[in-house]
PDB file of N, CA and C in Angstrom:
ATOM      1  N   ASN A   1      36.789 -54.740  51.230  1.00  0.00           N
ATOM      2  CA  ASN A   1      37.341 -53.442  50.912  1.00  0.00           C
ATOM      3  C   ASN A   1      37.331 -52.612  52.182  1.00  0.00           C
ATOM      4  N   ASN A   2      38.338 -51.799  52.379  1.00  0.00           N
ATOM      5  CA  ASN A   2      38.448 -51.104  53.655  1.00  0.00           C
ATOM      6  C   ASN A   2      38.399 -49.584  53.553  1.00  0.00           C
ATOM      7  N   ASN A   3      37.777 -49.036  52.518  1.00  0.00           N
ATOM      8  CA  ASN A   3      37.717 -47.571  52.465  1.00  0.00           C
ATOM      9  C   ASN A   3      36.429 -47.077  53.107  1.00  0.00           C
ATOM     10  N   ASN A   4      36.432 -45.811  53.510  1.00  0.00           N
ATOM     11  CA  ASN A   4      35.278 -45.228  54.190  1.00  0.00           C
ATOM     12  C   ASN A   4      34.722 -44.083  53.361  1.00  0.00           C
ATOM     13  N   ASN A   5      33.855 -44.392  52.423  1.00  0.00           N
ATOM     14  CA  ASN A   5      33.288 -43.375  51.539  1.00  0.00           C
ATOM     15  C   ASN A   5      31.828 -43.113  51.858  1.00  0.00           C
ATOM     16  N   THR A   6      31.415 -43.314  53.095  1.00  0.00           N
ATOM     17  CA  THR A   6      30.020 -43.150  53.459  1.00  0.00           C
ATOM     18  C   THR A   6      29.535 -41.737  53.186  1.00  0.00           C
ATOM     19  N   ILE A   7      30.375 -40.752  53.409  1.00  0.00           N
ATOM     20  CA  ILE A   7      29.974 -39.364  53.182  1.00  0.00           C
ATOM     21  C   ILE A   7      29.771 -39.111  51.694  1.00  0.00           C
ATOM     22  N   LEU A   8      30.650 -39.642  50.861  1.00  0.00           N
ATOM     23  CA  LEU A   8      30.543 -39.437  49.415  1.00  0.00           C
ATOM     24  C   LEU A   8      29.450 -40.299  48.804  1.00  0.00           C
ATOM     25  N   ASN A   9      29.215 -41.472  49.368  1.00  0.00           N
ATOM     26  CA  ASN A   9      28.265 -42.415  48.804  1.00  0.00           C
ATOM     27  C   ASN A   9      27.461 -43.048  49.937  1.00  0.00           C
ATOM     28  N   PRO A  10      26.426 -42.370  50.424  1.00  0.00           N
ATOM     29  CA  PRO A  10      25.690 -42.881  51.580  1.00  0.00           C
ATOM     30  C   PRO A  10      24.889 -44.145  51.298  1.00  0.00           C
ATOM     31  N   PHE A  11      24.691 -44.510  50.052  1.00  0.00           N
ATOM     32  CA  PHE A  11      23.929 -45.699  49.691  1.00  0.00           C
ATOM     33  C   PHE A  11      24.852 -46.730  49.049  1.00  0.00           C
ATOM     34  N   GLN A  12      25.827 -47.160  49.774  1.00  0.00           N
ATOM     35  CA  GLN A  12      26.845 -48.061  49.246  1.00  0.00           C
ATOM     36  C   GLN A  12      26.274 -49.442  48.956  1.00  0.00           C
ATOM     37  N   PRO A  13      26.589 -49.987  47.805  1.00  0.00           N
ATOM     38  CA  PRO A  13      26.170 -51.354  47.508  1.00  0.00           C
ATOM     39  C   PRO A  13      27.010 -52.346  48.314  1.00  0.00           C
ATOM     40  N   HIS A  14      26.489 -53.543  48.482  1.00  0.00           N
ATOM     41  CA  HIS A  14      27.218 -54.597  49.170  1.00  0.00           C
ATOM     42  C   HIS A  14      28.031 -55.437  48.192  1.00  0.00           C
ATOM     43  N   ILE A  15      27.602 -55.407  46.924  1.00  0.00           N
ATOM     44  CA  ILE A  15      28.292 -56.198  45.901  1.00  0.00           C
ATOM     45  C   ILE A  15      28.274 -55.440  44.580  1.00  0.00           C
ATOM     46  N   ILE A  16      29.369 -55.553  43.864  1.00  0.00           N
ATOM     47  CA  ILE A  16      29.443 -55.069  42.488  1.00  0.00           C
ATOM     48  C   ILE A  16      29.880 -56.261  41.651  1.00  0.00           C
ATOM     49  N   MET A  17      29.121 -56.523  40.583  1.00  0.00           N
ATOM     50  CA  MET A  17      29.419 -57.647  39.706  1.00  0.00           C
ATOM     51  C   MET A  17      29.668 -57.112  38.297  1.00  0.00           C
ATOM     52  N   SER A  18      30.786 -57.504  37.731  1.00  0.00           N
ATOM     53  CA  SER A  18      31.143 -57.088  36.378  1.00  0.00           C
ATOM     54  C   SER A  18      31.060 -58.289  35.444  1.00  0.00           C
ATOM     55  N   ASP A  19      30.242 -58.154  34.404  1.00  0.00           N
ATOM     56  CA  ASP A  19      30.113 -59.198  33.389  1.00  0.00           C
ATOM     57  C   ASP A  19      30.537 -58.637  32.032  1.00  0.00           C
ATOM     58  N   MET A  20      31.411 -57.644  32.074  1.00  0.00           N
ATOM     59  CA  MET A  20      31.834 -56.994  30.835  1.00  0.00           C
ATOM     60  C   MET A  20      32.826 -57.861  30.080  1.00  0.00           C
ATOM     61  N   ALA A  21      32.806 -57.735  28.780  1.00  0.00           N
ATOM     62  CA  ALA A  21      33.801 -58.367  27.919  1.00  0.00           C
ATOM     63  C   ALA A  21      33.999 -57.455  26.708  1.00  0.00           C
ATOM     64  N   ALA A  22      35.219 -57.357  26.295  1.00  0.00           N
ATOM     65  CA  ALA A  22      35.519 -56.557  25.109  1.00  0.00           C
ATOM     66  C   ALA A  22      34.964 -57.256  23.870  1.00  0.00           C
ATOM     67  N   ASN A  23      34.729 -56.501  22.822  1.00  0.00           N
ATOM     68  CA  ASN A  23      34.339 -57.127  21.555  1.00  0.00           C
ATOM     69  C   ASN A  23      35.452 -58.068  21.121  1.00  0.00           C
ATOM     70  N   PHE A  24      35.082 -59.258  20.757  1.00  0.00           N
ATOM     71  CA  PHE A  24      36.077 -60.271  20.415  1.00  0.00           C
ATOM     72  C   PHE A  24      36.711 -60.006  19.054  1.00  0.00           C
ATOM     73  N   THR A  25      38.032 -60.201  19.016  1.00  0.00           N
ATOM     74  CA  THR A  25      38.784 -60.038  17.776  1.00  0.00           C
ATOM     75  C   THR A  25      39.026 -61.374  17.102  1.00  0.00           C
ATOM     76  N   GLY A  26      38.915 -62.451  17.869  1.00  0.00           N
ATOM     77  CA  GLY A  26      39.237 -63.781  17.361  1.00  0.00           C
ATOM     78  C   GLY A  26      40.608 -64.246  17.824  1.00  0.00           C
ATOM     79  N   ASP A  27      41.411 -63.325  18.346  1.00  0.00           N
ATOM     80  CA  ASP A  27      42.720 -63.675  18.891  1.00  0.00           C
ATOM     81  C   ASP A  27      42.556 -63.853  20.404  1.00  0.00           C
ATOM     82  N   GLN A  28      42.768 -65.064  20.890  1.00  0.00           N
ATOM     83  CA  GLN A  28      42.494 -65.393  22.284  1.00  0.00           C
ATOM     84  C   GLN A  28      43.260 -64.500  23.257  1.00  0.00           C
ATOM     85  N   ARG A  29      44.524 -64.276  23.007  1.00  0.00           N
ATOM     86  CA  ARG A  29      45.341 -63.451  23.914  1.00  0.00           C
ATOM     87  C   ARG A  29      44.867 -62.003  23.929  1.00  0.00           C
ATOM     88  N   THR A  30      44.617 -61.453  22.760  1.00  0.00           N
ATOM     89  CA  THR A  30      44.137 -60.080  22.665  1.00  0.00           C
ATOM     90  C   THR A  30      42.798 -59.926  23.371  1.00  0.00           C
ATOM     91  N   ASP A  31      41.897 -60.873  23.143  1.00  0.00           N
ATOM     92  CA  ASP A  31      40.587 -60.816  23.771  1.00  0.00           C
ATOM     93  C   ASP A  31      40.705 -60.899  25.294  1.00  0.00           C
ATOM     94  N   ALA A  32      41.577 -61.771  25.787  1.00  0.00           N
ATOM     95  CA  ALA A  32      41.774 -61.910  27.233  1.00  0.00           C
ATOM     96  C   ALA A  32      42.324 -60.621  27.833  1.00  0.00           C
ATOM     97  N   LEU A  33      43.290 -60.013  27.185  1.00  0.00           N
ATOM     98  CA  LEU A  33      43.895 -58.785  27.706  1.00  0.00           C
ATOM     99  C   LEU A  33      42.928 -57.607  27.671  1.00  0.00           C
ATOM    100  N   ARG A  34      42.150 -57.502  26.627  1.00  0.00           N
ATOM    101  CA  ARG A  34      41.195 -56.399  26.534  1.00  0.00           C
ATOM    102  C   ARG A  34      40.099 -56.538  27.585  1.00  0.00           C
ATOM    103  N   THR A  35      39.639 -57.756  27.812  1.00  0.00           N
ATOM    104  CA  THR A  35      38.628 -57.983  28.836  1.00  0.00           C
ATOM    105  C   THR A  35      39.219 -57.758  30.223  1.00  0.00           C
ATOM    106  N   LEU A  36      40.458 -58.172  30.426  1.00  0.00           N
ATOM    107  CA  LEU A  36      41.134 -57.938  31.703  1.00  0.00           C
ATOM    108  C   LEU A  36      41.215 -56.439  31.996  1.00  0.00           C
ATOM    109  N   GLY A  37      41.465 -55.640  30.979  1.00  0.00           N
ATOM    110  CA  GLY A  37      41.499 -54.189  31.155  1.00  0.00           C
ATOM    111  C   GLY A  37      40.163 -53.638  31.638  1.00  0.00           C
ATOM    112  N   LEU A  38      39.071 -54.178  31.116  1.00  0.00           N
ATOM    113  CA  LEU A  38      37.749 -53.749  31.579  1.00  0.00           C
ATOM    114  C   LEU A  38      37.523 -54.145  33.034  1.00  0.00           C
ATOM    115  N   VAL A  39      37.964 -55.340  33.402  1.00  0.00           N
ATOM    116  CA  VAL A  39      37.816 -55.800  34.783  1.00  0.00           C
ATOM    117  C   VAL A  39      38.639 -54.912  35.717  1.00  0.00           C
ATOM    118  N   GLU A  40      39.824 -54.517  35.288  1.00  0.00           N
ATOM    119  CA  GLU A  40      40.652 -53.627  36.112  1.00  0.00           C
ATOM    120  C   GLU A  40      39.946 -52.297  36.355  1.00  0.00           C
ATOM    121  N   ARG A  41      39.274 -51.774  35.335  1.00  0.00           N
ATOM    122  CA  ARG A  41      38.522 -50.526  35.501  1.00  0.00           C
ATOM    123  C   ARG A  41      37.351 -50.718  36.466  1.00  0.00           C
ATOM    124  N   ALA A  42      36.672 -51.844  36.342  1.00  0.00           N
ATOM    125  CA  ALA A  42      35.558 -52.136  37.252  1.00  0.00           C
ATOM    126  C   ALA A  42      36.062 -52.281  38.685  1.00  0.00           C
ATOM    127  N   LEU A  43      37.230 -52.870  38.856  1.00  0.00           N
ATOM    128  CA  LEU A  43      37.825 -52.985  40.188  1.00  0.00           C
ATOM    129  C   LEU A  43      38.096 -51.593  40.756  1.00  0.00           C
ATOM    130  N   ASP A  44      38.620 -50.702  39.933  1.00  0.00           N
ATOM    131  CA  ASP A  44      38.867 -49.325  40.382  1.00  0.00           C
ATOM    132  C   ASP A  44      37.572 -48.658  40.851  1.00  0.00           C
ATOM    133  N   VAL A  45      36.509 -48.831  40.095  1.00  0.00           N
ATOM    134  CA  VAL A  45      35.221 -48.243  40.461  1.00  0.00           C
ATOM    135  C   VAL A  45      34.715 -48.861  41.759  1.00  0.00           C
ATOM    136  N   SER A  46      34.880 -50.163  41.903  1.00  0.00           N
ATOM    137  CA  SER A  46      34.366 -50.833  43.097  1.00  0.00           C
ATOM    138  C   SER A  46      35.062 -50.351  44.368  1.00  0.00           C
ATOM    139  N   THR A  47      36.333 -49.973  44.265  1.00  0.00           N
ATOM    140  CA  THR A  47      37.036 -49.502  45.453  1.00  0.00           C
ATOM    141  C   THR A  47      36.488 -48.160  45.936  1.00  0.00           C
ATOM    142  N   VAL A  48      35.839 -47.422  45.042  1.00  0.00           N
ATOM    143  CA  VAL A  48      35.229 -46.146  45.411  1.00  0.00           C
ATOM    144  C   VAL A  48      33.808 -46.360  45.937  1.00  0.00           C
ATOM    145  N   LEU A  49      33.069 -47.258  45.324  1.00  0.00           N
ATOM    146  CA  LEU A  49      31.652 -47.406  45.641  1.00  0.00           C
ATOM    147  C   LEU A  49      31.344 -48.358  46.792  1.00  0.00           C
ATOM    148  N   LEU A  50      32.129 -49.417  46.935  1.00  0.00           N
ATOM    149  CA  LEU A  50      31.831 -50.422  47.960  1.00  0.00           C
ATOM    150  C   LEU A  50      32.232 -49.954  49.350  1.00  0.00           C
ATOM    151  N   GLY A  51      31.462 -50.353  50.315  1.00  0.00           N
ATOM    152  CA  GLY A  51      31.799 -50.069  51.699  1.00  0.00           C
ATOM    153  C   GLY A  51      32.629 -51.193  52.291  1.00  0.00           C
ATOM    154  N   GLU A  52      32.920 -51.072  53.561  1.00  0.00           N
ATOM    155  CA  GLU A  52      33.688 -52.077  54.305  1.00  0.00           C
ATOM    156  C   GLU A  52      33.037 -53.447  54.132  1.00  0.00           C
ATOM    157  N   GLY A  53      33.832 -54.431  53.769  1.00  0.00           N
ATOM    158  CA  GLY A  53      33.334 -55.794  53.620  1.00  0.00           C
ATOM    159  C   GLY A  53      32.593 -56.043  52.325  1.00  0.00           C
ATOM    160  N   GLY A  54      32.598 -55.070  51.402  1.00  0.00           N
ATOM    161  CA  GLY A  54      31.897 -55.238  50.134  1.00  0.00           C
ATOM    162  C   GLY A  54      32.530 -56.309  49.266  1.00  0.00           C
ATOM    163  N   THR A  55      31.761 -56.798  48.311  1.00  0.00           N
ATOM    164  CA  THR A  55      32.189 -57.878  47.428  1.00  0.00           C
ATOM    165  C   THR A  55      32.266 -57.385  45.991  1.00  0.00           C
ATOM    166  N   PHE A  56      33.352 -57.733  45.324  1.00  0.00           N
ATOM    167  CA  PHE A  56      33.517 -57.455  43.902  1.00  0.00           C
ATOM    168  C   PHE A  56      33.660 -58.793  43.203  1.00  0.00           C
ATOM    169  N   LEU A  57      32.821 -59.037  42.205  1.00  0.00           N
ATOM    170  CA  LEU A  57      32.823 -60.282  41.452  1.00  0.00           C
ATOM    171  C   LEU A  57      32.956 -59.950  39.977  1.00  0.00           C
ATOM    172  N   ALA A  58      33.898 -60.604  39.302  1.00  0.00           N
ATOM    173  CA  ALA A  58      34.104 -60.323  37.880  1.00  0.00           C
ATOM    174  C   ALA A  58      34.581 -61.571  37.163  1.00  0.00           C
ATOM    175  N   LYS A  59      34.331 -61.583  35.871  1.00  0.00           N
ATOM    176  CA  LYS A  59      34.856 -62.676  35.051  1.00  0.00           C
ATOM    177  C   LYS A  59      35.968 -62.120  34.170  1.00  0.00           C
ATOM    178  N   CYS A  60      36.938 -62.955  33.921  1.00  0.00           N
ATOM    179  CA  CYS A  60      37.947 -62.618  32.916  1.00  0.00           C
ATOM    180  C   CYS A  60      38.426 -63.929  32.316  1.00  0.00           C
ATOM    181  N   PHE A  61      39.063 -63.832  31.203  1.00  0.00           N
ATOM    182  CA  PHE A  61      39.580 -65.019  30.540  1.00  0.00           C
ATOM    183  C   PHE A  61      40.993 -65.282  31.032  1.00  0.00           C
ATOM    184  N   SER A  62      41.298 -66.528  31.190  1.00  0.00           N
ATOM    185  CA  SER A  62      42.585 -66.914  31.756  1.00  0.00           C
ATOM    186  C   SER A  62      43.747 -66.421  30.885  1.00  0.00           C
ATOM    187  N   CYS A  63      44.689 -65.758  31.561  1.00  0.00           N
ATOM    188  CA  CYS A  63      45.919 -65.320  30.914  1.00  0.00           C
ATOM    189  C   CYS A  63      46.942 -65.070  32.018  1.00  0.00           C
ATOM    190  N   PRO A  64      48.220 -65.067  31.701  1.00  0.00           N
ATOM    191  CA  PRO A  64      49.237 -64.867  32.740  1.00  0.00           C
ATOM    192  C   PRO A  64      49.070 -63.554  33.514  1.00  0.00           C
ATOM    193  N   GLU A  65      48.528 -62.535  32.882  1.00  0.00           N
ATOM    194  CA  GLU A  65      48.393 -61.226  33.520  1.00  0.00           C
ATOM    195  C   GLU A  65      47.298 -61.187  34.582  1.00  0.00           C
ATOM    196  N   GLU A  66      46.470 -62.220  34.668  1.00  0.00           N
ATOM    197  CA  GLU A  66      45.395 -62.191  35.664  1.00  0.00           C
ATOM    198  C   GLU A  66      45.944 -62.203  37.091  1.00  0.00           C
ATOM    199  N   GLN A  67      47.155 -62.675  37.279  1.00  0.00           N
ATOM    200  CA  GLN A  67      47.781 -62.624  38.604  1.00  0.00           C
ATOM    201  C   GLN A  67      47.897 -61.177  39.078  1.00  0.00           C
ATOM    202  N   GLY A  68      48.190 -60.274  38.180  1.00  0.00           N
ATOM    203  CA  GLY A  68      48.265 -58.856  38.525  1.00  0.00           C
ATOM    204  C   GLY A  68      46.930 -58.315  39.005  1.00  0.00           C
ATOM    205  N   LEU A  69      45.847 -58.812  38.435  1.00  0.00           N
ATOM    206  CA  LEU A  69      44.513 -58.407  38.871  1.00  0.00           C
ATOM    207  C   LEU A  69      44.259 -58.890  40.301  1.00  0.00           C
ATOM    208  N   ARG A  70      44.634 -60.124  40.594  1.00  0.00           N
ATOM    209  CA  ARG A  70      44.469 -60.635  41.956  1.00  0.00           C
ATOM    210  C   ARG A  70      45.284 -59.810  42.945  1.00  0.00           C
ATOM    211  N   GLU A  71      46.496 -59.465  42.559  1.00  0.00           N
ATOM    212  CA  GLU A  71      47.348 -58.639  43.419  1.00  0.00           C
ATOM    213  C   GLU A  71      46.747 -57.250  43.618  1.00  0.00           C
ATOM    214  N   ALA A  72      46.172 -56.681  42.577  1.00  0.00           N
ATOM    215  CA  ALA A  72      45.547 -55.358  42.682  1.00  0.00           C
ATOM    216  C   ALA A  72      44.335 -55.409  43.605  1.00  0.00           C
ATOM    217  N   ALA A  73      43.561 -56.479  43.530  1.00  0.00           N
ATOM    218  CA  ALA A  73      42.396 -56.622  44.406  1.00  0.00           C
ATOM    219  C   ALA A  73      42.831 -56.753  45.861  1.00  0.00           C
ATOM    220  N   THR A  74      43.887 -57.497  46.104  1.00  0.00           N
ATOM    221  CA  THR A  74      44.410 -57.632  47.464  1.00  0.00           C
ATOM    222  C   THR A  74      44.936 -56.287  47.960  1.00  0.00           C
ATOM    223  N   ALA A  75      45.666 -55.583  47.115  1.00  0.00           N
ATOM    224  CA  ALA A  75      46.208 -54.273  47.495  1.00  0.00           C
ATOM    225  C   ALA A  75      45.095 -53.261  47.750  1.00  0.00           C
ATOM    226  N   ALA A  76      43.943 -53.435  47.080  1.00  0.00           N
ATOM    227  CA  ALA A  76      42.816 -52.524  47.261  1.00  0.00           C
ATOM    228  C   ALA A  76      42.063 -52.796  48.563  1.00  0.00           C
ATOM    229  N   GLY A  77      42.441 -53.867  49.257  1.00  0.00           N
ATOM    230  CA  GLY A  77      41.826 -54.144  50.545  1.00  0.00           C
ATOM    231  C   GLY A  77      40.825 -55.272  50.571  1.00  0.00           C
ATOM    232  N   PHE A  78      40.645 -55.965  49.456  1.00  0.00           N
ATOM    233  CA  PHE A  78      39.743 -57.107  49.453  1.00  0.00           C
ATOM    234  C   PHE A  78      40.425 -58.264  50.182  1.00  0.00           C
ATOM    235  N   ARG A  79      39.721 -58.829  51.148  1.00  0.00           N
ATOM    236  CA  ARG A  79      40.329 -59.846  52.021  1.00  0.00           C
ATOM    237  C   ARG A  79      40.401 -61.223  51.385  1.00  0.00           C
ATOM    238  N   ASN A  80      39.398 -61.603  50.631  1.00  0.00           N
ATOM    239  CA  ASN A  80      39.360 -62.929  50.007  1.00  0.00           C
ATOM    240  C   ASN A  80      39.361 -62.756  48.496  1.00  0.00           C
ATOM    241  N   VAL A  81      40.474 -63.050  47.878  1.00  0.00           N
ATOM    242  CA  VAL A  81      40.603 -62.931  46.434  1.00  0.00           C
ATOM    243  C   VAL A  81      40.751 -64.343  45.899  1.00  0.00           C
ATOM    244  N   ARG A  82      39.800 -64.756  45.069  1.00  0.00           N
ATOM    245  CA  ARG A  82      39.767 -66.146  44.589  1.00  0.00           C
ATOM    246  C   ARG A  82      39.593 -66.204  43.083  1.00  0.00           C
ATOM    247  N   THR A  83      40.077 -67.293  42.536  1.00  0.00           N
ATOM    248  CA  THR A  83      39.849 -67.615  41.131  1.00  0.00           C
ATOM    249  C   THR A  83      39.044 -68.900  41.094  1.00  0.00           C
ATOM    250  N   VAL A  84      37.938 -68.878  40.371  1.00  0.00           N
ATOM    251  CA  VAL A  84      37.106 -70.075  40.236  1.00  0.00           C
ATOM    252  C   VAL A  84      36.920 -70.425  38.783  1.00  0.00           C
TER     253      VAL A  84
END
């Protein structure tokens, strides 16, 4: 991440890990999309809190929309965006 929020957050973490998941409905697509929405919010928070070179790690369930999350992470300045 390449933002400089040292003045706003002098104690910046080196890593933010999101293990959030929405309450399951039983519908795989709905559950994946709702959890993806939580990950997107966590990504937004991480761009404010993390310093240069910080790491954001999150889980989400596989769905076609996860490509948008990878693109958002790249656009936010994360250099290595991976799916494992």
